[in-house]
Amino acid sequence: MNIFQRNAAANLAEKRQQKRDSAQKKFDILTKDAAYSSTRAELFDAVLAARAPSDIEKINKKLSQRVAKLGFSNEELQERNYCKKCQDSGTLFSDGKAVQCGCVKTAIAEAAYGASMTPDTAENSFRGFITEQLISERPELDLTYRMLSSFVEMLDGKGRTPLNYFTVMGATGTGKTLAVSVFFNKLKAEGVFSYFISAATLAQTFSRSVSTYNAAEIADIMSELTSPEVLIVDDLGAETFFDNVTRPKMQEIIEARKEKLTVITTNLSPKQLETRYGERFISRVFDTKKGGKVRLSGADFRLER
């Protein structure tokens, strides 16, 4: 179980308990009400005495009216589960096969959002976040965002897309991180399972994966990078490079994600990337049939703003 799954399980457990506690609290309020308690006892006695169905129906109606007067409904008192679909089991059955319920998928996605460390860009579109003047001066920023958005529209519902790699290149301050951060916010808004990770944190993840000899633990750690529908790696090339670790692990991730979308920002040129991560990496990432790239230019707009 990777960190997203562990956090999702903990969050779901808390929400499920809150739902049960809420239902119990409402029931406790009702049982303290004399009119409700006496009517409930009357209903119980009527059922035991096998009284006429019409009599039992009248008592039931009387009980419902009392519940409503106290500000509740019979439905909400009976609903003790956070997820109505799976009844808090986390599992549904489709064509005889067990599948993960949407409540679990959403919780995992939210855990990935929480683990992502992105700059504080609240907007999910460049319009409104950046001035029209800046967009006119740097049209490639808006173009980059629209190209990335078109990739997401190709997701098939299972996290797969025919276009798998997109690289945003350019010097420091040209808007690479901004472009993918705004894009990440769009993914969050649409509920796409996405993870935004800096290259520095990526290197730490690689280190964790080689610090254990437990195969299951290694698989869990690496699944943090392979399981998201969209993985965004920011500032690739700026991380500490570990001999015999960074290159093979980077190639492993790219290979494992060949049916999912991976977005990379980097200051490095294609040649520098090849020298650092190898020919196999370059062959995948810059495959024109499976993805694309864009180069942002201009002065450091952090200094201009």
C-alpha atoms as a PDB file:
ATOM      1  CA  MET A   1       0.000   0.000   0.000  1.00  0.00           C
ATOM      2  CA  ASN A   2       1.589   3.288  -1.078  1.00  0.00           C
ATOM      3  CA  ILE A   3       1.332   6.622   0.719  1.00  0.00           C
ATOM      4  CA  PHE A   4      -1.720   7.718  -1.309  1.00  0.00           C
ATOM      5  CA  GLN A   5      -3.584   4.521  -0.449  1.00  0.00           C
ATOM      6  CA  ARG A   6      -2.640   4.724   3.232  1.00  0.00           C
ATOM      7  CA  ASN A   7      -3.767   8.342   3.525  1.00  0.00           C
ATOM      8  CA  ALA A   8      -6.944   7.584   1.569  1.00  0.00           C
ATOM      9  CA  ALA A   9      -7.759   4.668   3.888  1.00  0.00           C
ATOM     10  CA  ALA A  10      -7.241   6.864   6.949  1.00  0.00           C
ATOM     11  CA  ASN A  11      -9.370   9.693   5.512  1.00  0.00           C
ATOM     12  CA  LEU A  12     -12.171   7.311   4.526  1.00  0.00           C
ATOM     13  CA  ALA A  13     -12.122   5.665   7.936  1.00  0.00           C
ATOM     14  CA  GLU A  14     -12.506   9.084   9.555  1.00  0.00           C
ATOM     15  CA  LYS A  15     -15.383  10.099   7.262  1.00  0.00           C
ATOM     16  CA  ARG A  16     -17.154   6.774   7.790  1.00  0.00           C
ATOM     17  CA  GLN A  17     -16.844   7.113  11.564  1.00  0.00           C
ATOM     18  CA  GLN A  18     -18.135  10.678  11.416  1.00  0.00           C
ATOM     19  CA  LYS A  19     -21.176   9.450   9.478  1.00  0.00           C
ATOM     20  CA  ARG A  20     -21.867   6.721  12.030  1.00  0.00           C
ATOM     21  CA  ASP A  21     -21.361   9.127  14.928  1.00  0.00           C
ATOM     22  CA  SER A  22     -23.733  11.631  13.317  1.00  0.00           C
ATOM     23  CA  ALA A  23     -26.424   8.983  12.847  1.00  0.00           C
ATOM     24  CA  GLN A  24     -25.983   7.764  16.410  1.00  0.00           C
ATOM     25  CA  LYS A  25     -26.180  11.319  17.757  1.00  0.00           C
ATOM     26  CA  LYS A  26     -29.502  11.855  15.976  1.00  0.00           C
ATOM     27  CA  PHE A  27     -30.846   8.577  17.281  1.00  0.00           C
ATOM     28  CA  ASP A  28     -29.769   9.494  20.821  1.00  0.00           C
ATOM     29  CA  ILE A  29     -31.711  12.759  20.545  1.00  0.00           C
ATOM     30  CA  LEU A  30     -34.805  10.844  19.466  1.00  0.00           C
ATOM     31  CA  THR A  31     -34.609   8.286  22.268  1.00  0.00           C
ATOM     32  CA  LYS A  32     -34.543  11.124  24.802  1.00  0.00           C
ATOM     33  CA  ASP A  33     -37.839  12.436  23.411  1.00  0.00           C
ATOM     34  CA  ALA A  34     -40.734  11.035  25.455  1.00  0.00           C
ATOM     35  CA  ALA A  35     -43.286  11.190  22.605  1.00  0.00           C
ATOM     36  CA  TYR A  36     -40.960   9.372  20.194  1.00  0.00           C
ATOM     37  CA  SER A  37     -40.045   6.721  22.740  1.00  0.00           C
ATOM     38  CA  SER A  38     -43.653   6.008  23.706  1.00  0.00           C
ATOM     39  CA  THR A  39     -44.769   5.790  20.060  1.00  0.00           C
ATOM     40  CA  ARG A  40     -41.838   3.479  19.250  1.00  0.00           C
ATOM     41  CA  ALA A  41     -42.839   1.250  22.196  1.00  0.00           C
ATOM     42  CA  GLU A  42     -46.435   1.301  20.962  1.00  0.00           C
ATOM     43  CA  LEU A  43     -45.261   0.176  17.504  1.00  0.00           C
ATOM     44  CA  PHE A  44     -43.182  -2.639  19.019  1.00  0.00           C
ATOM     45  CA  ASP A  45     -46.144  -3.895  21.066  1.00  0.00           C
ATOM     46  CA  ALA A  46     -48.446  -3.716  18.030  1.00  0.00           C
ATOM     47  CA  VAL A  47     -46.096  -5.839  15.962  1.00  0.00           C
ATOM     48  CA  LEU A  48     -45.720  -8.406  18.772  1.00  0.00           C
ATOM     49  CA  ALA A  49     -49.483  -8.577  19.202  1.00  0.00           C
ATOM     50  CA  ALA A  50     -49.904  -9.079  15.445  1.00  0.00           C
ATOM     51  CA  ARG A  51     -52.390  -6.252  15.200  1.00  0.00           C
ATOM     52  CA  ALA A  52     -53.984  -5.360  11.888  1.00  0.00           C
ATOM     53  CA  PRO A  53     -51.656  -3.916   9.240  1.00  0.00           C
ATOM     54  CA  SER A  54     -53.760  -0.768   9.099  1.00  0.00           C
ATOM     55  CA  ASP A  55     -53.176  -0.207  12.837  1.00  0.00           C
ATOM     56  CA  ILE A  56     -49.448  -0.697  12.472  1.00  0.00           C
ATOM     57  CA  GLU A  57     -49.404   1.683   9.495  1.00  0.00           C
ATOM     58  CA  LYS A  58     -51.131   4.380  11.576  1.00  0.00           C
ATOM     59  CA  ILE A  59     -48.564   4.032  14.363  1.00  0.00           C
ATOM     60  CA  ASN A  60     -45.738   4.128  11.825  1.00  0.00           C
ATOM     61  CA  LYS A  61     -47.176   7.322  10.365  1.00  0.00           C
ATOM     62  CA  LYS A  62     -47.432   8.803  13.843  1.00  0.00           C
ATOM     63  CA  LEU A  63     -43.794   7.877  14.504  1.00  0.00           C
ATOM     64  CA  SER A  64     -42.666   9.454  11.208  1.00  0.00           C
ATOM     65  CA  GLN A  65     -44.530  12.643  12.029  1.00  0.00           C
ATOM     66  CA  ARG A  66     -42.765  12.850  15.372  1.00  0.00           C
ATOM     67  CA  VAL A  67     -39.390  12.277  13.716  1.00  0.00           C
ATOM     68  CA  ALA A  68     -40.136  15.055  11.217  1.00  0.00           C
ATOM     69  CA  LYS A  69     -41.236  17.412  13.986  1.00  0.00           C
ATOM     70  CA  LEU A  70     -37.865  16.884  15.659  1.00  0.00           C
ATOM     71  CA  GLY A  71     -36.149  17.895  12.388  1.00  0.00           C
ATOM     72  CA  PHE A  72     -35.132  14.487  11.057  1.00  0.00           C
ATOM     73  CA  SER A  73     -36.268  11.986   8.440  1.00  0.00           C
ATOM     74  CA  ASN A  74     -36.496   8.209   8.599  1.00  0.00           C
ATOM     75  CA  GLU A  75     -34.088   7.952   5.667  1.00  0.00           C
ATOM     76  CA  GLU A  76     -31.268   9.885   7.308  1.00  0.00           C
ATOM     77  CA  LEU A  77     -31.674   7.910  10.523  1.00  0.00           C
ATOM     78  CA  GLN A  78     -31.283   4.661   8.631  1.00  0.00           C
ATOM     79  CA  GLU A  79     -28.317   5.914   6.609  1.00  0.00           C
ATOM     80  CA  ARG A  80     -25.209   5.133   8.620  1.00  0.00           C
ATOM     81  CA  ASN A  81     -22.804   4.681   5.703  1.00  0.00           C
ATOM     82  CA  TYR A  82     -20.607   7.391   4.203  1.00  0.00           C
ATOM     83  CA  CYS A  83     -20.887   5.835   0.731  1.00  0.00           C
ATOM     84  CA  LYS A  84     -24.342   4.650  -0.297  1.00  0.00           C
ATOM     85  CA  LYS A  85     -23.023   2.799  -3.349  1.00  0.00           C
ATOM     86  CA  CYS A  86     -20.653   0.371  -1.651  1.00  0.00           C
ATOM     87  CA  GLN A  87     -22.086   0.626   1.875  1.00  0.00           C
ATOM     88  CA  ASP A  88     -18.555   1.554   3.033  1.00  0.00           C
ATOM     89  CA  SER A  89     -17.052  -1.717   1.812  1.00  0.00           C
ATOM     90  CA  GLY A  90     -14.956   0.112  -0.799  1.00  0.00           C
ATOM     91  CA  THR A  91     -15.872  -2.537  -3.357  1.00  0.00           C
ATOM     92  CA  LEU A  92     -18.519  -2.929  -6.038  1.00  0.00           C
ATOM     93  CA  PHE A  93     -19.217  -5.910  -8.275  1.00  0.00           C
ATOM     94  CA  SER A  94     -19.456  -5.570 -12.034  1.00  0.00           C
ATOM     95  CA  ASP A  95     -19.974  -8.601 -14.292  1.00  0.00           C
ATOM     96  CA  GLY A  96     -19.087 -10.842 -11.393  1.00  0.00           C
ATOM     97  CA  LYS A  97     -15.803  -9.053 -10.722  1.00  0.00           C
ATOM     98  CA  ALA A  98     -14.900  -6.952  -7.708  1.00  0.00           C
ATOM     99  CA  VAL A  99     -13.999  -3.365  -8.644  1.00  0.00           C
ATOM    100  CA  GLN A 100     -12.894  -0.401  -6.584  1.00  0.00           C
ATOM    101  CA  CYS A 101     -15.731   1.924  -5.609  1.00  0.00           C
ATOM    102  CA  GLY A 102     -15.600   5.542  -6.719  1.00  0.00           C
ATOM    103  CA  CYS A 103     -15.364   6.702  -3.104  1.00  0.00           C
ATOM    104  CA  VAL A 104     -11.987   4.954  -2.793  1.00  0.00           C
ATOM    105  CA  LYS A 105     -10.744   6.296  -6.138  1.00  0.00           C
ATOM    106  CA  THR A 106     -11.715   9.825  -5.130  1.00  0.00           C
ATOM    107  CA  ALA A 107     -10.018   9.453  -1.743  1.00  0.00           C
ATOM    108  CA  ILE A 108      -6.799   8.239  -3.387  1.00  0.00           C
ATOM    109  CA  ALA A 109      -6.854  11.129  -5.868  1.00  0.00           C
ATOM    110  CA  GLU A 110      -7.401  13.612  -3.041  1.00  0.00           C
ATOM    111  CA  ALA A 111      -4.485  12.060  -1.138  1.00  0.00           C
ATOM    112  CA  ALA A 112      -2.275  12.562  -4.189  1.00  0.00           C
ATOM    113  CA  TYR A 113      -3.390  16.196  -4.452  1.00  0.00           C
ATOM    114  CA  GLY A 114      -2.524  16.657  -0.795  1.00  0.00           C
ATOM    115  CA  ALA A 115       0.925  15.139  -1.255  1.00  0.00           C
ATOM    116  CA  SER A 116       1.653  17.344  -4.265  1.00  0.00           C
ATOM    117  CA  MET A 117       3.758  20.418  -3.590  1.00  0.00           C
ATOM    118  CA  THR A 118       2.781  23.069  -6.099  1.00  0.00           C
ATOM    119  CA  PRO A 119       3.200  26.831  -6.054  1.00  0.00           C
ATOM    120  CA  ASP A 120       0.226  28.808  -4.801  1.00  0.00           C
ATOM    121  CA  THR A 121      -1.675  29.152  -8.072  1.00  0.00           C
ATOM    122  CA  ALA A 122      -5.349  29.089  -7.215  1.00  0.00           C
ATOM    123  CA  GLU A 123      -6.669  29.586 -10.716  1.00  0.00           C
ATOM    124  CA  ASN A 124      -7.178  26.673 -13.107  1.00  0.00           C
ATOM    125  CA  SER A 125      -6.892  28.834 -16.205  1.00  0.00           C
ATOM    126  CA  PHE A 126      -4.418  31.449 -17.323  1.00  0.00           C
ATOM    127  CA  ARG A 127      -7.300  33.823 -18.041  1.00  0.00           C
ATOM    128  CA  GLY A 128      -7.791  35.751 -14.830  1.00  0.00           C
ATOM    129  CA  PHE A 129      -4.547  34.528 -13.280  1.00  0.00           C
ATOM    130  CA  ILE A 130      -2.212  36.311 -15.650  1.00  0.00           C
ATOM    131  CA  THR A 131      -2.999  39.658 -17.197  1.00  0.00           C
ATOM    132  CA  GLU A 132      -4.116  39.824 -20.809  1.00  0.00           C
ATOM    133  CA  GLN A 133      -0.971  41.836 -21.475  1.00  0.00           C
ATOM    134  CA  LEU A 134       1.285  39.022 -20.303  1.00  0.00           C
ATOM    135  CA  ILE A 135      -0.666  36.493 -22.352  1.00  0.00           C
ATOM    136  CA  SER A 136      -0.178  38.661 -25.422  1.00  0.00           C
ATOM    137  CA  GLU A 137       3.544  38.959 -24.652  1.00  0.00           C
ATOM    138  CA  ARG A 138       3.940  35.243 -23.871  1.00  0.00           C
ATOM    139  CA  PRO A 139       1.326  33.488 -26.059  1.00  0.00           C
ATOM    140  CA  GLU A 140       3.249  30.217 -25.713  1.00  0.00           C
ATOM    141  CA  LEU A 141       2.091  30.040 -22.066  1.00  0.00           C
ATOM    142  CA  ASP A 142      -1.562  29.928 -23.068  1.00  0.00           C
ATOM    143  CA  LEU A 143      -0.696  27.568 -25.936  1.00  0.00           C
ATOM    144  CA  THR A 144       1.082  25.207 -23.531  1.00  0.00           C
ATOM    145  CA  TYR A 145      -1.922  25.136 -21.226  1.00  0.00           C
ATOM    146  CA  ARG A 146      -4.332  24.450 -24.079  1.00  0.00           C
ATOM    147  CA  MET A 147      -2.117  21.660 -25.449  1.00  0.00           C
ATOM    148  CA  LEU A 148      -1.957  20.015 -22.026  1.00  0.00           C
ATOM    149  CA  SER A 149      -5.714  20.333 -21.600  1.00  0.00           C
ATOM    150  CA  SER A 150      -6.274  18.592 -24.928  1.00  0.00           C
ATOM    151  CA  PHE A 151      -4.234  15.634 -23.647  1.00  0.00           C
ATOM    152  CA  VAL A 152      -6.555  15.213 -20.670  1.00  0.00           C
ATOM    153  CA  GLU A 153      -9.606  15.181 -22.920  1.00  0.00           C
ATOM    154  CA  MET A 154      -8.169  12.000 -24.454  1.00  0.00           C
ATOM    155  CA  LEU A 155      -8.196  10.055 -21.154  1.00  0.00           C
ATOM    156  CA  ASP A 156     -10.226   6.876 -21.637  1.00  0.00           C
ATOM    157  CA  GLY A 157     -11.643   6.581 -18.121  1.00  0.00           C
ATOM    158  CA  LYS A 158      -8.939   4.131 -17.055  1.00  0.00           C
ATOM    159  CA  GLY A 159      -6.171   6.706 -16.906  1.00  0.00           C
ATOM    160  CA  ARG A 160      -4.856   5.836 -20.360  1.00  0.00           C
ATOM    161  CA  THR A 161      -4.267   8.252 -23.207  1.00  0.00           C
ATOM    162  CA  PRO A 162      -2.833   7.800 -26.711  1.00  0.00           C
ATOM    163  CA  LEU A 163      -0.438  10.704 -26.086  1.00  0.00           C
ATOM    164  CA  ASN A 164       1.831   9.993 -23.139  1.00  0.00           C
ATOM    165  CA  TYR A 165       4.637  12.530 -22.843  1.00  0.00           C
ATOM    166  CA  PHE A 166       4.796  16.293 -22.876  1.00  0.00           C
ATOM    167  CA  THR A 167       7.922  18.290 -22.095  1.00  0.00           C
ATOM    168  CA  VAL A 168       7.962  21.997 -21.295  1.00  0.00           C
ATOM    169  CA  MET A 169      11.455  23.377 -21.852  1.00  0.00           C
ATOM    170  CA  GLY A 170      13.001  26.782 -21.316  1.00  0.00           C
ATOM    171  CA  ALA A 171      15.292  28.899 -19.208  1.00  0.00           C
ATOM    172  CA  THR A 172      14.610  29.901 -15.607  1.00  0.00           C
ATOM    173  CA  GLY A 173      11.621  32.209 -15.168  1.00  0.00           C
ATOM    174  CA  THR A 174       9.959  31.596 -18.536  1.00  0.00           C
ATOM    175  CA  GLY A 175       6.794  30.169 -16.930  1.00  0.00           C
ATOM    176  CA  LYS A 176       7.316  26.402 -17.082  1.00  0.00           C
ATOM    177  CA  THR A 177       6.286  25.697 -13.496  1.00  0.00           C
ATOM    178  CA  LEU A 178       3.438  28.187 -13.738  1.00  0.00           C
ATOM    179  CA  ALA A 179       2.086  26.463 -16.851  1.00  0.00           C
ATOM    180  CA  VAL A 180       2.025  22.991 -15.316  1.00  0.00           C
ATOM    181  CA  SER A 181       0.782  24.278 -11.936  1.00  0.00           C
ATOM    182  CA  VAL A 182      -2.253  25.909 -13.524  1.00  0.00           C
ATOM    183  CA  PHE A 183      -2.761  22.709 -15.515  1.00  0.00           C
ATOM    184  CA  PHE A 184      -2.542  20.659 -12.299  1.00  0.00           C
ATOM    185  CA  ASN A 185      -5.267  22.807 -10.747  1.00  0.00           C
ATOM    186  CA  LYS A 186      -7.471  22.029 -13.734  1.00  0.00           C
ATOM    187  CA  LEU A 187      -6.843  18.304 -13.202  1.00  0.00           C
ATOM    188  CA  LYS A 188      -7.833  18.629  -9.545  1.00  0.00           C
ATOM    189  CA  ALA A 189     -10.989  20.534 -10.459  1.00  0.00           C
ATOM    190  CA  GLU A 190     -11.970  17.742 -12.857  1.00  0.00           C
ATOM    191  CA  GLY A 191     -11.153  14.966 -10.375  1.00  0.00           C
ATOM    192  CA  VAL A 192      -8.321  13.428 -12.409  1.00  0.00           C
ATOM    193  CA  PHE A 193      -5.942  11.295 -10.309  1.00  0.00           C
ATOM    194  CA  SER A 194      -2.798  13.418 -10.619  1.00  0.00           C
ATOM    195  CA  TYR A 195       0.472  13.892  -8.763  1.00  0.00           C
ATOM    196  CA  PHE A 196       2.740  16.929  -8.978  1.00  0.00           C
ATOM    197  CA  ILE A 197       6.287  16.241  -7.803  1.00  0.00           C
ATOM    198  CA  SER A 198       9.480  18.271  -7.924  1.00  0.00           C
ATOM    199  CA  ALA A 199      12.598  16.633  -9.299  1.00  0.00           C
ATOM    200  CA  ALA A 200      14.204  16.966  -5.853  1.00  0.00           C
ATOM    201  CA  THR A 201      11.379  14.965  -4.248  1.00  0.00           C
ATOM    202  CA  LEU A 202      11.537  12.524  -7.146  1.00  0.00           C
ATOM    203  CA  ALA A 203      15.191  11.836  -6.307  1.00  0.00           C
ATOM    204  CA  GLN A 204      14.233  11.235  -2.673  1.00  0.00           C
ATOM    205  CA  THR A 205      11.576   8.766  -3.794  1.00  0.00           C
ATOM    206  CA  PHE A 206      14.177   6.908  -5.839  1.00  0.00           C
ATOM    207  CA  SER A 207      16.452   6.803  -2.797  1.00  0.00           C
ATOM    208  CA  ARG A 208      13.669   5.354  -0.654  1.00  0.00           C
ATOM    209  CA  SER A 209      13.077   2.625  -3.221  1.00  0.00           C
ATOM    210  CA  VAL A 210      16.697   1.442  -3.080  1.00  0.00           C
ATOM    211  CA  SER A 211      17.040   1.714   0.695  1.00  0.00           C
ATOM    212  CA  THR A 212      14.975  -1.431   1.228  1.00  0.00           C
ATOM    213  CA  TYR A 213      15.292  -4.996   0.023  1.00  0.00           C
ATOM    214  CA  ASN A 214      11.589  -5.701   0.504  1.00  0.00           C
ATOM    215  CA  ALA A 215      10.142  -6.204  -2.990  1.00  0.00           C
ATOM    216  CA  ALA A 216       6.595  -5.318  -1.915  1.00  0.00           C
ATOM    217  CA  GLU A 217       7.778  -2.089  -0.275  1.00  0.00           C
ATOM    218  CA  ILE A 218       9.767  -1.143  -3.380  1.00  0.00           C
ATOM    219  CA  ALA A 219       6.681  -1.733  -5.546  1.00  0.00           C
ATOM    220  CA  ASP A 220       4.560   0.430  -3.223  1.00  0.00           C
ATOM    221  CA  ILE A 221       7.066   3.291  -3.335  1.00  0.00           C
ATOM    222  CA  MET A 222       7.389   3.209  -7.100  1.00  0.00           C
ATOM    223  CA  SER A 223       3.597   2.980  -7.510  1.00  0.00           C
ATOM    224  CA  GLU A 224       3.422   6.529  -6.139  1.00  0.00           C
ATOM    225  CA  LEU A 225       4.884   7.499  -9.512  1.00  0.00           C
ATOM    226  CA  THR A 226       3.308   4.878 -11.771  1.00  0.00           C
ATOM    227  CA  SER A 227      -0.295   4.786 -10.503  1.00  0.00           C
ATOM    228  CA  PRO A 228      -1.482   8.405 -11.104  1.00  0.00           C
ATOM    229  CA  GLU A 229      -3.305   9.024 -14.359  1.00  0.00           C
ATOM    230  CA  VAL A 230      -1.200  12.151 -14.806  1.00  0.00           C
ATOM    231  CA  LEU A 231       2.295  12.606 -13.336  1.00  0.00           C
ATOM    232  CA  ILE A 232       3.896  16.056 -13.435  1.00  0.00           C
ATOM    233  CA  VAL A 233       7.657  16.201 -12.772  1.00  0.00           C
ATOM    234  CA  ASP A 234       8.826  19.768 -12.270  1.00  0.00           C
ATOM    235  CA  ASP A 235      12.370  20.992 -12.925  1.00  0.00           C
ATOM    236  CA  LEU A 236      13.849  17.684 -14.070  1.00  0.00           C
ATOM    237  CA  GLY A 237      17.629  17.920 -14.100  1.00  0.00           C
ATOM    238  CA  ALA A 238      17.858  20.095 -10.994  1.00  0.00           C
ATOM    239  CA  GLU A 239      17.762  17.121  -8.623  1.00  0.00           C
ATOM    240  CA  THR A 240      20.761  15.432  -7.012  1.00  0.00           C
ATOM    241  CA  PHE A 241      21.933  12.732  -9.407  1.00  0.00           C
ATOM    242  CA  PHE A 242      22.668   9.367  -7.788  1.00  0.00           C
ATOM    243  CA  ASP A 243      24.934   7.085  -9.795  1.00  0.00           C
ATOM    244  CA  ASN A 244      23.313   3.748 -10.696  1.00  0.00           C
ATOM    245  CA  VAL A 245      19.985   4.971  -9.280  1.00  0.00           C
ATOM    246  CA  THR A 246      18.595   8.066 -11.012  1.00  0.00           C
ATOM    247  CA  ARG A 247      19.022   6.955 -14.613  1.00  0.00           C
ATOM    248  CA  PRO A 248      17.642   3.390 -14.305  1.00  0.00           C
ATOM    249  CA  LYS A 249      14.799   4.510 -12.045  1.00  0.00           C
ATOM    250  CA  MET A 250      13.837   7.350 -14.392  1.00  0.00           C
ATOM    251  CA  GLN A 251      13.821   4.936 -17.301  1.00  0.00           C
ATOM    252  CA  GLU A 252      11.735   2.503 -15.255  1.00  0.00           C
ATOM    253  CA  ILE A 253       9.114   5.172 -14.541  1.00  0.00           C
ATOM    254  CA  ILE A 254       8.911   6.344 -18.136  1.00  0.00           C
ATOM    255  CA  GLU A 255       8.591   2.758 -19.371  1.00  0.00           C
ATOM    256  CA  ALA A 256       5.891   1.924 -16.785  1.00  0.00           C
ATOM    257  CA  ARG A 257       3.889   5.017 -17.765  1.00  0.00           C
ATOM    258  CA  LYS A 258       3.865   4.397 -21.513  1.00  0.00           C
ATOM    259  CA  GLU A 259       0.042   4.394 -21.555  1.00  0.00           C
ATOM    260  CA  LYS A 260      -0.409   7.308 -19.135  1.00  0.00           C
ATOM    261  CA  LEU A 261       0.353  11.008 -19.354  1.00  0.00           C
ATOM    262  CA  THR A 262       3.677  12.239 -17.965  1.00  0.00           C
ATOM    263  CA  VAL A 263       4.443  15.969 -18.054  1.00  0.00           C
ATOM    264  CA  ILE A 264       7.984  17.231 -17.489  1.00  0.00           C
ATOM    265  CA  THR A 265       9.454  20.695 -17.106  1.00  0.00           C
ATOM    266  CA  THR A 266      13.174  21.202 -17.487  1.00  0.00           C
ATOM    267  CA  ASN A 267      15.895  23.789 -18.065  1.00  0.00           C
ATOM    268  CA  LEU A 268      17.965  21.198 -19.923  1.00  0.00           C
ATOM    269  CA  SER A 269      18.249  20.736 -23.665  1.00  0.00           C
ATOM    270  CA  PRO A 270      17.374  17.391 -25.288  1.00  0.00           C
ATOM    271  CA  LYS A 271      21.091  16.609 -25.581  1.00  0.00           C
ATOM    272  CA  GLN A 272      21.685  17.355 -21.901  1.00  0.00           C
ATOM    273  CA  LEU A 273      18.700  15.187 -20.971  1.00  0.00           C
ATOM    274  CA  GLU A 274      20.099  12.334 -23.044  1.00  0.00           C
ATOM    275  CA  THR A 275      23.502  12.626 -21.371  1.00  0.00           C
ATOM    276  CA  ARG A 276      21.881  12.588 -17.941  1.00  0.00           C
ATOM    277  CA  TYR A 277      19.087  10.019 -18.346  1.00  0.00           C
ATOM    278  CA  GLY A 278      20.102   7.969 -21.361  1.00  0.00           C
ATOM    279  CA  GLU A 279      19.015   7.292 -24.912  1.00  0.00           C
ATOM    280  CA  ARG A 280      16.049   5.106 -23.884  1.00  0.00           C
ATOM    281  CA  PHE A 281      14.601   7.986 -21.875  1.00  0.00           C
ATOM    282  CA  ILE A 282      14.950  10.427 -24.768  1.00  0.00           C
ATOM    283  CA  SER A 283      13.496   7.931 -27.219  1.00  0.00           C
ATOM    284  CA  ARG A 284      10.335   7.661 -25.160  1.00  0.00           C
ATOM    285  CA  VAL A 285       9.875  11.268 -24.061  1.00  0.00           C
ATOM    286  CA  PHE A 286      10.518  12.832 -27.457  1.00  0.00           C
ATOM    287  CA  ASP A 287       8.654  10.246 -29.529  1.00  0.00           C
ATOM    288  CA  THR A 288       6.616  12.514 -31.831  1.00  0.00           C
ATOM    289  CA  LYS A 289       3.924   9.831 -32.198  1.00  0.00           C
ATOM    290  CA  LYS A 290       3.332   9.617 -28.457  1.00  0.00           C
ATOM    291  CA  GLY A 291       3.673  13.169 -27.213  1.00  0.00           C
ATOM    292  CA  GLY A 292       5.054  16.614 -27.773  1.00  0.00           C
ATOM    293  CA  LYS A 293       7.231  19.400 -26.477  1.00  0.00           C
ATOM    294  CA  VAL A 294       7.227  23.163 -26.295  1.00  0.00           C
ATOM    295  CA  ARG A 295       9.996  25.633 -25.573  1.00  0.00           C
ATOM    296  CA  LEU A 296       9.184  28.771 -23.596  1.00  0.00           C
ATOM    297  CA  SER A 297      11.360  31.797 -24.149  1.00  0.00           C
ATOM    298  CA  GLY A 298      11.818  35.343 -22.949  1.00  0.00           C
ATOM    299  CA  ALA A 299      13.277  37.075 -19.935  1.00  0.00           C
ATOM    300  CA  ASP A 300      12.582  35.974 -16.371  1.00  0.00           C
ATOM    301  CA  PHE A 301       9.041  37.315 -15.910  1.00  0.00           C
ATOM    302  CA  ARG A 302       9.324  36.954 -12.117  1.00  0.00           C
ATOM    303  CA  LEU A 303      11.676  39.919 -12.309  1.00  0.00           C
ATOM    304  CA  GLU A 304       9.491  41.772 -14.785  1.00  0.00           C
ATOM    305  CA  ARG A 305       6.233  41.526 -12.796  1.00  0.00           C
END
